[in-house]
Amino acid sequence: MPRMIRFILTRLATGFAIGCAVGFVVWHNGILSSTSTAGNLENYLAQVLFIYLFASTMSMGYLATALLLEEE
């Protein structure tokens, strides 16, 4: 695999993993405690979309920062 593609994929995957962790923590500490229906399908769908929002944003930001700071 070419070096640039590997660089992009690893940075996107790392940023996505960090974003998933942050989104999960934010959801469970901030949003889940204020809702009374924690077990219905709409809540699970909202949680998945919320975590995906954090993960996709963090992955692009992580990649952009890595490209900015890469020196070679």
Protein backbone atom coordinates (compact mmCIF):
# COMPACT_ATOMS: atom_id res chain seq x y z
CA MET A 1 0.00 0.00 0.00
CA PRO A 2 1.40 3.40 -0.87
CA ARG A 3 2.72 5.42 2.03
CA MET A 4 0.28 8.35 1.65
CA ILE A 5 -2.79 6.11 1.61
CA ARG A 6 -1.58 4.27 4.70
CA PHE A 7 -0.93 7.62 6.39
CA ILE A 8 -4.44 8.86 5.60
CA LEU A 9 -6.18 5.64 6.64
CA THR A 10 -4.34 5.31 9.93
CA ARG A 11 -4.99 8.95 10.87
CA LEU A 12 -8.67 8.70 9.94
CA ALA A 13 -9.09 5.47 11.90
CA THR A 14 -7.29 6.88 14.94
CA GLY A 15 -9.36 10.06 14.89
CA PHE A 16 -12.55 8.04 14.46
CA ALA A 17 -11.69 5.89 17.49
CA ILE A 18 -10.95 8.96 19.60
CA GLY A 19 -14.21 10.56 18.45
CA CYS A 20 -16.20 7.42 19.30
CA ALA A 21 -14.79 7.40 22.81
CA VAL A 22 -15.48 11.10 23.32
CA GLY A 23 -19.00 10.86 21.89
CA PHE A 24 -19.79 7.88 24.09
CA VAL A 25 -18.57 9.66 27.24
CA VAL A 26 -20.42 12.88 26.39
CA TRP A 27 -23.63 11.00 25.65
CA HIS A 28 -23.57 9.00 28.86
CA ASN A 29 -22.49 11.86 31.13
CA GLY A 30 -24.54 14.68 29.67
CA ILE A 31 -27.51 13.47 27.69
CA LEU A 32 -28.49 10.07 29.08
CA SER A 33 -28.88 11.30 32.65
CA SER A 34 -31.45 13.90 31.57
CA THR A 35 -33.68 11.52 29.58
CA SER A 36 -36.14 9.21 31.22
CA THR A 37 -36.55 6.65 28.42
CA ALA A 38 -33.12 5.11 28.08
CA GLY A 39 -34.14 1.84 26.46
CA ASN A 40 -36.24 2.65 23.41
CA LEU A 41 -35.15 2.37 19.79
CA GLU A 42 -35.19 6.12 19.10
CA ASN A 43 -32.72 6.69 21.92
CA TYR A 44 -30.31 4.09 20.53
CA LEU A 45 -30.54 5.59 17.06
CA ALA A 46 -29.92 9.06 18.46
CA GLN A 47 -26.93 7.75 20.40
CA VAL A 48 -25.40 6.13 17.31
CA LEU A 49 -25.86 9.28 15.24
CA PHE A 50 -24.45 11.46 18.04
CA ILE A 51 -21.37 9.26 18.40
CA TYR A 52 -20.91 9.16 14.62
CA LEU A 53 -21.05 12.98 14.58
CA PHE A 54 -18.21 13.20 17.08
CA ALA A 55 -16.22 10.44 15.38
CA SER A 56 -16.43 11.83 11.86
CA THR A 57 -15.57 15.34 13.00
CA MET A 58 -12.63 14.19 15.10
CA SER A 59 -11.28 11.95 12.33
CA MET A 60 -11.18 14.79 9.81
CA GLY A 61 -9.65 17.15 12.37
CA TYR A 62 -7.04 14.57 13.36
CA LEU A 63 -6.13 13.99 9.72
CA ALA A 64 -5.91 17.72 8.99
CA THR A 65 -3.70 18.30 12.03
CA ALA A 66 -1.47 15.35 11.13
CA LEU A 67 -1.07 16.63 7.56
CA LEU A 68 -0.25 20.11 8.87
CA LEU A 69 2.40 18.87 11.31
CA GLU A 70 3.96 16.16 9.11
CA GLU A 71 7.54 16.99 8.21
CA GLU A 72 9.42 15.07 5.55
